């Protein structure tokens, strides 16, 4: 082939080669992962907890603070402690914040939960109508439940296998009394603490509640008062624990540990210690020294 005929052919080959390299480079560039987006993307972390931590307003403060300090979206499922623990045994939650020590110990023994840590405490109280028809104000817990039973006064139970419900049944049992003897006056709400307090207020009934939720809801039920408090049997302890990812492989292990670490950190303890003081004149939860 003569040179003058070969040059146009050579130019076409060079152009095709350069264009092909350019296209490949462009395509490869489009395939590069967006490492920045991946490193900042938040993953979900499921917290199963009791309604008392939600109804008290504490989680409204802790959730944004945790999310600001950690790369997770905290999804809160507020149910009775019994239901929260069941979610843990089924691997349907990553971390638990609950207040039924005996039941918690069982889930740890079964290997469904690990890293159980004390977080805070407050107390249970017996509340009822200001008129106090059963005349229980200032009595001991056994005396109070006996008076309620004898007078057939209305009593509203959570009835939802929550930590509060478990405590209530324990108090009846320790008093050697059967709440079912109240008949229709024993009302099982099957709802959270806030809703149960509202039902008790509407029906002028007695009920057991944690102090934090009562103080947070008090403005909605001015005729309901604290009648029995201070009994050692009314202590209310909260623990946080991870759901065991070795038994439940879908659990967010890193996230659940991050939440336990957060709840037991000095910064979070300070938030808990001060929570409620401005609005109620006293903290709603206390810390273990």
C-alpha atoms as a PDB file:
ATOM      1  CA  UNK A   1       0.000   0.000   0.000  1.00  0.00           C
ATOM      2  CA  UNK A   2       1.337   3.424  -0.903  1.00  0.00           C
ATOM      3  CA  UNK A   3       2.005   5.873   1.920  1.00  0.00           C
ATOM      4  CA  UNK A   4      -0.539   8.408   0.664  1.00  0.00           C
ATOM      5  CA  UNK A   5      -3.232   5.738   0.764  1.00  0.00           C
ATOM      6  CA  UNK A   6      -2.093   4.342   4.130  1.00  0.00           C
ATOM      7  CA  UNK A   7      -2.138   7.649   6.084  1.00  0.00           C
ATOM      8  CA  UNK A   8      -5.982   8.164   6.035  1.00  0.00           C
ATOM      9  CA  UNK A   9      -6.440   4.544   7.171  1.00  0.00           C
ATOM     10  CA  UNK A  10      -3.928   5.032  10.005  1.00  0.00           C
ATOM     11  CA  UNK A  11      -5.688   8.207  11.155  1.00  0.00           C
ATOM     12  CA  UNK A  12      -9.026   6.344  11.364  1.00  0.00           C
ATOM     13  CA  UNK A  13      -7.459   3.641  13.525  1.00  0.00           C
ATOM     14  CA  UNK A  14      -5.881   6.181  15.876  1.00  0.00           C
ATOM     15  CA  UNK A  15      -9.157   8.101  16.217  1.00  0.00           C
ATOM     16  CA  UNK A  16     -11.074   4.906  16.990  1.00  0.00           C
ATOM     17  CA  UNK A  17      -8.510   3.873  19.600  1.00  0.00           C
ATOM     18  CA  UNK A  18      -8.553   7.246  21.365  1.00  0.00           C
ATOM     19  CA  UNK A  19     -12.351   7.402  21.337  1.00  0.00           C
ATOM     20  CA  UNK A  20     -12.604   3.872  22.741  1.00  0.00           C
ATOM     21  CA  UNK A  21     -10.212   4.672  25.577  1.00  0.00           C
ATOM     22  CA  UNK A  22     -12.165   7.820  26.356  1.00  0.00           C
ATOM     23  CA  UNK A  23     -15.477   5.908  26.510  1.00  0.00           C
ATOM     24  CA  UNK A  24     -13.991   3.223  28.747  1.00  0.00           C
ATOM     25  CA  UNK A  25     -12.565   5.827  31.079  1.00  0.00           C
ATOM     26  CA  UNK A  26     -15.922   7.589  31.309  1.00  0.00           C
ATOM     27  CA  UNK A  27     -17.823   4.351  31.963  1.00  0.00           C
ATOM     28  CA  UNK A  28     -15.325   3.255  34.630  1.00  0.00           C
ATOM     29  CA  UNK A  29     -15.581   6.645  36.334  1.00  0.00           C
ATOM     30  CA  UNK A  30     -19.338   6.208  36.561  1.00  0.00           C
ATOM     31  CA  UNK A  31     -18.873   2.906  38.311  1.00  0.00           C
ATOM     32  CA  UNK A  32     -16.760   4.336  41.143  1.00  0.00           C
ATOM     33  CA  UNK A  33     -18.563   3.941  44.519  1.00  0.00           C
ATOM     34  CA  UNK A  34     -19.656   7.068  46.338  1.00  0.00           C
ATOM     35  CA  UNK A  35     -17.568   6.396  49.433  1.00  0.00           C
ATOM     36  CA  UNK A  36     -18.554   9.707  50.980  1.00  0.00           C
ATOM     37  CA  UNK A  37     -22.274   8.867  50.840  1.00  0.00           C
ATOM     38  CA  UNK A  38     -21.657   5.393  52.234  1.00  0.00           C
ATOM     39  CA  UNK A  39     -19.610   6.663  55.154  1.00  0.00           C
ATOM     40  CA  UNK A  40     -22.245   9.198  56.216  1.00  0.00           C
ATOM     41  CA  UNK A  41     -25.367   7.084  55.630  1.00  0.00           C
ATOM     42  CA  UNK A  42     -27.153   6.289  58.902  1.00  0.00           C
ATOM     43  CA  UNK A  43     -28.385   2.786  59.635  1.00  0.00           C
ATOM     44  CA  UNK A  44     -31.471   1.934  61.678  1.00  0.00           C
ATOM     45  CA  UNK A  45     -31.217   0.783  65.287  1.00  0.00           C
ATOM     46  CA  UNK A  46     -34.357  -0.670  66.894  1.00  0.00           C
ATOM     47  CA  UNK A  47     -34.911   0.050  70.590  1.00  0.00           C
ATOM     48  CA  UNK A  48     -37.698  -1.907  72.318  1.00  0.00           C
ATOM     49  CA  UNK A  49     -38.616  -0.189  75.555  1.00  0.00           C
ATOM     50  CA  UNK A  50     -41.363   0.305  78.098  1.00  0.00           C
ATOM     51  CA  UNK A  51     -44.032   2.955  77.618  1.00  0.00           C
ATOM     52  CA  UNK A  52     -42.976   4.676  80.848  1.00  0.00           C
ATOM     53  CA  UNK A  53     -39.700   5.906  79.327  1.00  0.00           C
ATOM     54  CA  UNK A  54     -41.678   7.207  76.351  1.00  0.00           C
ATOM     55  CA  UNK A  55     -44.607   8.711  78.293  1.00  0.00           C
ATOM     56  CA  UNK A  56     -42.270  10.463  80.730  1.00  0.00           C
ATOM     57  CA  UNK A  57     -40.713  12.378  77.812  1.00  0.00           C
ATOM     58  CA  UNK A  58     -37.175  11.153  78.556  1.00  0.00           C
ATOM     59  CA  UNK A  59     -36.691   9.501  75.169  1.00  0.00           C
ATOM     60  CA  UNK A  60     -37.751  12.708  73.416  1.00  0.00           C
ATOM     61  CA  UNK A  61     -34.573  14.192  74.871  1.00  0.00           C
ATOM     62  CA  UNK A  62     -32.236  11.209  74.526  1.00  0.00           C
ATOM     63  CA  UNK A  63     -33.123  10.177  70.949  1.00  0.00           C
ATOM     64  CA  UNK A  64     -31.833  13.298  69.126  1.00  0.00           C
ATOM     65  CA  UNK A  65     -28.774  13.453  71.387  1.00  0.00           C
ATOM     66  CA  UNK A  66     -27.875   9.817  70.644  1.00  0.00           C
ATOM     67  CA  UNK A  67     -28.411  10.282  66.905  1.00  0.00           C
ATOM     68  CA  UNK A  68     -26.246  13.403  66.895  1.00  0.00           C
ATOM     69  CA  UNK A  69     -23.381  11.542  68.574  1.00  0.00           C
ATOM     70  CA  UNK A  70     -23.768   8.226  66.698  1.00  0.00           C
ATOM     71  CA  UNK A  71     -24.316   7.211  63.084  1.00  0.00           C
ATOM     72  CA  UNK A  72     -27.706   5.548  63.641  1.00  0.00           C
ATOM     73  CA  UNK A  73     -31.412   6.298  63.231  1.00  0.00           C
ATOM     74  CA  UNK A  74     -32.959   5.238  66.542  1.00  0.00           C
ATOM     75  CA  UNK A  75     -36.319   3.553  65.933  1.00  0.00           C
ATOM     76  CA  UNK A  76     -38.223   3.417  69.229  1.00  0.00           C
ATOM     77  CA  UNK A  77     -40.912   0.786  69.847  1.00  0.00           C
ATOM     78  CA  UNK A  78     -42.610   1.580  73.169  1.00  0.00           C
ATOM     79  CA  UNK A  79     -44.584  -1.387  74.514  1.00  0.00           C
ATOM     80  CA  UNK A  80     -44.948  -3.201  77.809  1.00  0.00           C
ATOM     81  CA  UNK A  81     -41.717  -4.646  79.178  1.00  0.00           C
ATOM     82  CA  UNK A  82     -43.016  -8.179  78.597  1.00  0.00           C
ATOM     83  CA  UNK A  83     -43.544  -7.432  74.904  1.00  0.00           C
ATOM     84  CA  UNK A  84     -40.170  -5.695  74.666  1.00  0.00           C
ATOM     85  CA  UNK A  85     -38.444  -8.749  76.137  1.00  0.00           C
ATOM     86  CA  UNK A  86     -40.320 -11.026  73.727  1.00  0.00           C
ATOM     87  CA  UNK A  87     -39.051  -8.901  70.845  1.00  0.00           C
ATOM     88  CA  UNK A  88     -35.567  -9.555  72.179  1.00  0.00           C
ATOM     89  CA  UNK A  89     -36.070 -13.328  72.345  1.00  0.00           C
ATOM     90  CA  UNK A  90     -37.285 -13.260  68.718  1.00  0.00           C
ATOM     91  CA  UNK A  91     -34.431 -11.042  67.525  1.00  0.00           C
ATOM     92  CA  UNK A  92     -36.888  -8.339  66.452  1.00  0.00           C
ATOM     93  CA  UNK A  93     -35.061  -5.554  68.300  1.00  0.00           C
ATOM     94  CA  UNK A  94     -31.408  -4.604  68.611  1.00  0.00           C
ATOM     95  CA  UNK A  95     -31.374  -3.222  72.146  1.00  0.00           C
ATOM     96  CA  UNK A  96     -33.753  -3.187  75.148  1.00  0.00           C
ATOM     97  CA  UNK A  97     -34.474  -0.618  77.873  1.00  0.00           C
ATOM     98  CA  UNK A  98     -36.820  -2.212  80.418  1.00  0.00           C
ATOM     99  CA  UNK A  99     -37.767  -2.431  84.110  1.00  0.00           C
ATOM    100  CA  UNK A 100     -38.686  -5.965  85.164  1.00  0.00           C
ATOM    101  CA  UNK A 101     -35.525  -7.389  86.784  1.00  0.00           C
ATOM    102  CA  UNK A 102     -36.716 -10.983  87.300  1.00  0.00           C
ATOM    103  CA  UNK A 103     -37.914 -11.315  83.696  1.00  0.00           C
ATOM    104  CA  UNK A 104     -34.745  -9.608  82.435  1.00  0.00           C
ATOM    105  CA  UNK A 105     -32.573 -12.152  84.226  1.00  0.00           C
ATOM    106  CA  UNK A 106     -34.397 -14.937  82.393  1.00  0.00           C
ATOM    107  CA  UNK A 107     -33.650 -13.489  78.962  1.00  0.00           C
ATOM    108  CA  UNK A 108     -29.990 -13.122  79.909  1.00  0.00           C
ATOM    109  CA  UNK A 109     -29.858 -16.736  81.153  1.00  0.00           C
ATOM    110  CA  UNK A 110     -31.379 -17.931  77.872  1.00  0.00           C
ATOM    111  CA  UNK A 111     -28.594 -16.176  75.960  1.00  0.00           C
ATOM    112  CA  UNK A 112     -30.966 -13.882  74.067  1.00  0.00           C
ATOM    113  CA  UNK A 113     -29.546 -10.757  75.744  1.00  0.00           C
ATOM    114  CA  UNK A 114     -26.054  -9.719  76.783  1.00  0.00           C
ATOM    115  CA  UNK A 115     -24.275  -6.742  78.364  1.00  0.00           C
ATOM    116  CA  UNK A 116     -27.103  -5.928  80.811  1.00  0.00           C
ATOM    117  CA  UNK A 117     -26.362  -2.695  82.653  1.00  0.00           C
ATOM    118  CA  UNK A 118     -28.181  -0.695  85.346  1.00  0.00           C
ATOM    119  CA  UNK A 119     -29.156   2.734  84.075  1.00  0.00           C
ATOM    120  CA  UNK A 120     -31.470   4.507  86.512  1.00  0.00           C
ATOM    121  CA  UNK A 121     -34.331   4.085  88.924  1.00  0.00           C
ATOM    122  CA  UNK A 122     -37.375   5.827  90.305  1.00  0.00           C
ATOM    123  CA  UNK A 123     -40.302   4.366  92.201  1.00  0.00           C
ATOM    124  CA  UNK A 124     -43.791   3.086  91.762  1.00  0.00           C
ATOM    125  CA  UNK A 125     -46.620   4.893  93.516  1.00  0.00           C
ATOM    126  CA  UNK A 126     -50.280   4.127  94.163  1.00  0.00           C
ATOM    127  CA  UNK A 127     -52.507   6.953  92.974  1.00  0.00           C
ATOM    128  CA  UNK A 128     -56.221   7.524  93.098  1.00  0.00           C
ATOM    129  CA  UNK A 129     -59.025  10.072  93.364  1.00  0.00           C
ATOM    130  CA  UNK A 130     -58.400  12.990  95.704  1.00  0.00           C
ATOM    131  CA  UNK A 131     -61.541  11.988  97.660  1.00  0.00           C
ATOM    132  CA  UNK A 132     -59.859   8.637  98.399  1.00  0.00           C
ATOM    133  CA  UNK A 133     -63.068   6.565  98.857  1.00  0.00           C
ATOM    134  CA  UNK A 134     -61.166   3.541 100.237  1.00  0.00           C
ATOM    135  CA  UNK A 135     -59.290   5.755 102.745  1.00  0.00           C
ATOM    136  CA  UNK A 136     -55.827   4.427 101.900  1.00  0.00           C
ATOM    137  CA  UNK A 137     -53.688   7.569 102.028  1.00  0.00           C
ATOM    138  CA  UNK A 138     -50.468   6.980 103.943  1.00  0.00           C
ATOM    139  CA  UNK A 139     -51.045   3.244 104.492  1.00  0.00           C
ATOM    140  CA  UNK A 140     -48.607   0.456 103.631  1.00  0.00           C
ATOM    141  CA  UNK A 141     -49.046  -1.357 100.326  1.00  0.00           C
ATOM    142  CA  UNK A 142     -50.654  -4.505 101.840  1.00  0.00           C
ATOM    143  CA  UNK A 143     -53.021  -2.355 103.938  1.00  0.00           C
ATOM    144  CA  UNK A 144     -53.924  -0.309 100.865  1.00  0.00           C
ATOM    145  CA  UNK A 145     -54.746  -3.290  98.689  1.00  0.00           C
ATOM    146  CA  UNK A 146     -56.764  -4.870 101.504  1.00  0.00           C
ATOM    147  CA  UNK A 147     -58.804  -1.667 101.946  1.00  0.00           C
ATOM    148  CA  UNK A 148     -59.418  -1.422  98.191  1.00  0.00           C
ATOM    149  CA  UNK A 149     -60.580  -5.041  98.131  1.00  0.00           C
ATOM    150  CA  UNK A 150     -62.865  -4.681 101.148  1.00  0.00           C
ATOM    151  CA  UNK A 151     -64.479  -1.485  99.858  1.00  0.00           C
ATOM    152  CA  UNK A 152     -64.800  -2.854  96.294  1.00  0.00           C
ATOM    153  CA  UNK A 153     -63.247   0.372  95.012  1.00  0.00           C
ATOM    154  CA  UNK A 154     -62.311   0.478  91.337  1.00  0.00           C
ATOM    155  CA  UNK A 155     -58.724  -0.417  90.434  1.00  0.00           C
ATOM    156  CA  UNK A 156     -57.290  -0.068  86.925  1.00  0.00           C
ATOM    157  CA  UNK A 157     -54.538  -2.503  85.988  1.00  0.00           C
ATOM    158  CA  UNK A 158     -52.190  -2.118  83.024  1.00  0.00           C
ATOM    159  CA  UNK A 159     -53.068  -5.715  82.154  1.00  0.00           C
ATOM    160  CA  UNK A 160     -50.399  -5.788  79.440  1.00  0.00           C
ATOM    161  CA  UNK A 161     -47.545  -7.853  80.914  1.00  0.00           C
ATOM    162  CA  UNK A 162     -45.494  -4.678  81.303  1.00  0.00           C
ATOM    163  CA  UNK A 163     -42.986  -4.083  84.084  1.00  0.00           C
ATOM    164  CA  UNK A 164     -45.630  -2.083  85.944  1.00  0.00           C
ATOM    165  CA  UNK A 165     -48.202  -4.844  85.475  1.00  0.00           C
ATOM    166  CA  UNK A 166     -45.719  -7.444  86.730  1.00  0.00           C
ATOM    167  CA  UNK A 167     -45.016  -5.293  89.797  1.00  0.00           C
ATOM    168  CA  UNK A 168     -48.731  -4.836  90.488  1.00  0.00           C
ATOM    169  CA  UNK A 169     -49.389  -8.595  90.378  1.00  0.00           C
ATOM    170  CA  UNK A 170     -46.386  -9.142  92.639  1.00  0.00           C
ATOM    171  CA  UNK A 171     -47.810  -6.682  95.184  1.00  0.00           C
ATOM    172  CA  UNK A 172     -51.217  -8.404  95.189  1.00  0.00           C
ATOM    173  CA  UNK A 173     -49.544 -11.779  95.660  1.00  0.00           C
ATOM    174  CA  UNK A 174     -47.295 -10.568  98.501  1.00  0.00           C
ATOM    175  CA  UNK A 175     -50.395  -9.138 100.170  1.00  0.00           C
ATOM    176  CA  UNK A 176     -52.117 -12.560  99.871  1.00  0.00           C
ATOM    177  CA  UNK A 177     -54.955 -10.973  97.923  1.00  0.00           C
ATOM    178  CA  UNK A 178     -56.640 -11.778  94.612  1.00  0.00           C
ATOM    179  CA  UNK A 179     -57.516  -8.682  92.547  1.00  0.00           C
ATOM    180  CA  UNK A 180     -60.118 -10.730  90.650  1.00  0.00           C
ATOM    181  CA  UNK A 181     -62.195 -10.680  93.852  1.00  0.00           C
ATOM    182  CA  UNK A 182     -63.040  -7.087  92.927  1.00  0.00           C
ATOM    183  CA  UNK A 183     -65.108  -8.386  90.025  1.00  0.00           C
ATOM    184  CA  UNK A 184     -66.013  -5.663  87.514  1.00  0.00           C
ATOM    185  CA  UNK A 185     -64.270  -3.097  89.708  1.00  0.00           C
ATOM    186  CA  UNK A 186     -60.935  -4.590  88.613  1.00  0.00           C
ATOM    187  CA  UNK A 187     -60.386  -3.108  85.159  1.00  0.00           C
ATOM    188  CA  UNK A 188     -57.637  -4.438  82.885  1.00  0.00           C
ATOM    189  CA  UNK A 189     -56.773  -1.651  80.466  1.00  0.00           C
ATOM    190  CA  UNK A 190     -54.347  -3.546  78.242  1.00  0.00           C
ATOM    191  CA  UNK A 191     -52.677  -0.220  77.437  1.00  0.00           C
ATOM    192  CA  UNK A 192     -49.619   1.873  78.230  1.00  0.00           C
ATOM    193  CA  UNK A 193     -49.097   3.839  81.427  1.00  0.00           C
ATOM    194  CA  UNK A 194     -50.313   7.175  80.117  1.00  0.00           C
ATOM    195  CA  UNK A 195     -53.563   5.698  78.817  1.00  0.00           C
ATOM    196  CA  UNK A 196     -54.060   3.654  82.003  1.00  0.00           C
ATOM    197  CA  UNK A 197     -53.731   6.791  84.138  1.00  0.00           C
ATOM    198  CA  UNK A 198     -56.340   8.535  82.020  1.00  0.00           C
ATOM    199  CA  UNK A 199     -58.761   5.626  82.435  1.00  0.00           C
ATOM    200  CA  UNK A 200     -58.205   5.621  86.199  1.00  0.00           C
ATOM    201  CA  UNK A 201     -58.830   9.355  86.324  1.00  0.00           C
ATOM    202  CA  UNK A 202     -62.054   9.083  84.317  1.00  0.00           C
ATOM    203  CA  UNK A 203     -63.360   6.219  86.462  1.00  0.00           C
ATOM    204  CA  UNK A 204     -62.209   7.700  89.786  1.00  0.00           C
ATOM    205  CA  UNK A 205     -60.175   4.559  90.326  1.00  0.00           C
ATOM    206  CA  UNK A 206     -56.901   3.582  91.946  1.00  0.00           C
ATOM    207  CA  UNK A 207     -53.889   2.401  89.960  1.00  0.00           C
ATOM    208  CA  UNK A 208     -50.178   1.649  90.213  1.00  0.00           C
ATOM    209  CA  UNK A 209     -47.838   3.846  88.160  1.00  0.00           C
ATOM    210  CA  UNK A 210     -44.220   4.836  87.961  1.00  0.00           C
ATOM    211  CA  UNK A 211     -43.621   8.301  89.424  1.00  0.00           C
ATOM    212  CA  UNK A 212     -42.058   9.738  86.252  1.00  0.00           C
ATOM    213  CA  UNK A 213     -45.086   9.076  84.046  1.00  0.00           C
ATOM    214  CA  UNK A 214     -47.490  10.314  86.723  1.00  0.00           C
ATOM    215  CA  UNK A 215     -45.667  13.638  87.120  1.00  0.00           C
ATOM    216  CA  UNK A 216     -45.460  14.043  83.345  1.00  0.00           C
ATOM    217  CA  UNK A 217     -49.212  13.380  82.970  1.00  0.00           C
ATOM    218  CA  UNK A 218     -50.465  15.094  86.147  1.00  0.00           C
ATOM    219  CA  UNK A 219     -51.665  18.235  84.376  1.00  0.00           C
ATOM    220  CA  UNK A 220     -54.193  16.090  82.476  1.00  0.00           C
ATOM    221  CA  UNK A 221     -55.764  14.655  85.652  1.00  0.00           C
ATOM    222  CA  UNK A 222     -55.829  17.277  88.403  1.00  0.00           C
ATOM    223  CA  UNK A 223     -58.169  15.232  90.619  1.00  0.00           C
ATOM    224  CA  UNK A 224     -55.748  12.285  90.857  1.00  0.00           C
ATOM    225  CA  UNK A 225     -53.245  12.281  93.731  1.00  0.00           C
ATOM    226  CA  UNK A 226     -50.372  10.228  95.088  1.00  0.00           C
ATOM    227  CA  UNK A 227     -51.788   8.269  98.008  1.00  0.00           C
ATOM    228  CA  UNK A 228     -49.161   5.634  98.821  1.00  0.00           C
ATOM    229  CA  UNK A 229     -45.410   6.013  98.300  1.00  0.00           C
ATOM    230  CA  UNK A 230     -42.020   5.333  99.844  1.00  0.00           C
ATOM    231  CA  UNK A 231     -42.457   1.605 100.428  1.00  0.00           C
ATOM    232  CA  UNK A 232     -39.285  -0.391  99.740  1.00  0.00           C
ATOM    233  CA  UNK A 233     -41.307  -2.796  97.606  1.00  0.00           C
ATOM    234  CA  UNK A 234     -42.062   0.048  95.171  1.00  0.00           C
ATOM    235  CA  UNK A 235     -38.505   0.530  93.877  1.00  0.00           C
ATOM    236  CA  UNK A 236     -38.422   0.673  90.051  1.00  0.00           C
ATOM    237  CA  UNK A 237     -35.086  -0.197  88.386  1.00  0.00           C
ATOM    238  CA  UNK A 238     -34.308   0.212  84.673  1.00  0.00           C
ATOM    239  CA  UNK A 239     -31.687  -1.820  82.777  1.00  0.00           C
ATOM    240  CA  UNK A 240     -30.360  -1.545  79.229  1.00  0.00           C
ATOM    241  CA  UNK A 241     -29.095  -4.606  77.356  1.00  0.00           C
ATOM    242  CA  UNK A 242     -28.053  -5.762  73.913  1.00  0.00           C
ATOM    243  CA  UNK A 243     -29.912  -8.458  72.031  1.00  0.00           C
ATOM    244  CA  UNK A 244     -27.331 -11.181  71.400  1.00  0.00           C
ATOM    245  CA  UNK A 245     -26.251 -11.083  67.752  1.00  0.00           C
ATOM    246  CA  UNK A 246     -24.567 -14.497  68.083  1.00  0.00           C
ATOM    247  CA  UNK A 247     -28.023 -15.985  68.618  1.00  0.00           C
ATOM    248  CA  UNK A 248     -29.928 -13.556  66.383  1.00  0.00           C
ATOM    249  CA  UNK A 249     -27.799 -12.779  63.328  1.00  0.00           C
ATOM    250  CA  UNK A 250     -29.903  -9.859  62.074  1.00  0.00           C
ATOM    251  CA  UNK A 251     -29.205  -7.794  65.183  1.00  0.00           C
ATOM    252  CA  UNK A 252     -27.231  -4.578  64.742  1.00  0.00           C
ATOM    253  CA  UNK A 253     -24.443  -5.562  67.144  1.00  0.00           C
ATOM    254  CA  UNK A 254     -22.327  -2.433  66.762  1.00  0.00           C
ATOM    255  CA  UNK A 255     -25.362  -0.177  67.126  1.00  0.00           C
ATOM    256  CA  UNK A 256     -26.742  -1.959  70.183  1.00  0.00           C
ATOM    257  CA  UNK A 257     -23.373  -1.726  71.921  1.00  0.00           C
ATOM    258  CA  UNK A 258     -23.176   1.960  71.002  1.00  0.00           C
ATOM    259  CA  UNK A 259     -26.560   2.540  72.669  1.00  0.00           C
ATOM    260  CA  UNK A 260     -25.581   0.687  75.853  1.00  0.00           C
ATOM    261  CA  UNK A 261     -22.364   2.704  75.988  1.00  0.00           C
ATOM    262  CA  UNK A 262     -24.354   5.890  75.414  1.00  0.00           C
ATOM    263  CA  UNK A 263     -26.881   5.154  78.193  1.00  0.00           C
ATOM    264  CA  UNK A 264     -24.108   4.450  80.700  1.00  0.00           C
ATOM    265  CA  UNK A 265     -21.875   7.388  79.728  1.00  0.00           C
ATOM    266  CA  UNK A 266     -21.271  10.296  82.094  1.00  0.00           C
ATOM    267  CA  UNK A 267     -22.776  12.777  79.613  1.00  0.00           C
ATOM    268  CA  UNK A 268     -26.041  10.832  79.412  1.00  0.00           C
ATOM    269  CA  UNK A 269     -26.162  10.328  83.174  1.00  0.00           C
ATOM    270  CA  UNK A 270     -26.052  14.094  83.543  1.00  0.00           C
ATOM    271  CA  UNK A 271     -29.042  14.477  81.181  1.00  0.00           C
ATOM    272  CA  UNK A 272     -31.018  11.821  83.078  1.00  0.00           C
ATOM    273  CA  UNK A 273     -30.125  13.310  86.465  1.00  0.00           C
ATOM    274  CA  UNK A 274     -31.441  16.744  85.467  1.00  0.00           C
ATOM    275  CA  UNK A 275     -34.443  15.605  83.408  1.00  0.00           C
ATOM    276  CA  UNK A 276     -37.727  16.911  84.812  1.00  0.00           C
ATOM    277  CA  UNK A 277     -36.204  19.280  87.371  1.00  0.00           C
ATOM    278  CA  UNK A 278     -37.097  22.482  85.517  1.00  0.00           C
ATOM    279  CA  UNK A 279     -40.700  21.487  84.835  1.00  0.00           C
ATOM    280  CA  UNK A 280     -41.614  19.449  87.920  1.00  0.00           C
ATOM    281  CA  UNK A 281     -39.215  20.762  90.534  1.00  0.00           C
ATOM    282  CA  UNK A 282     -37.668  17.311  90.957  1.00  0.00           C
ATOM    283  CA  UNK A 283     -35.920  14.771  88.712  1.00  0.00           C
ATOM    284  CA  UNK A 284     -38.043  11.992  87.266  1.00  0.00           C
ATOM    285  CA  UNK A 285     -35.243   9.432  87.428  1.00  0.00           C
ATOM    286  CA  UNK A 286     -32.292   8.825  89.742  1.00  0.00           C
ATOM    287  CA  UNK A 287     -28.855   7.308  89.155  1.00  0.00           C
ATOM    288  CA  UNK A 288     -27.003   4.543  90.965  1.00  0.00           C
ATOM    289  CA  UNK A 289     -23.920   5.829  92.745  1.00  0.00           C
END
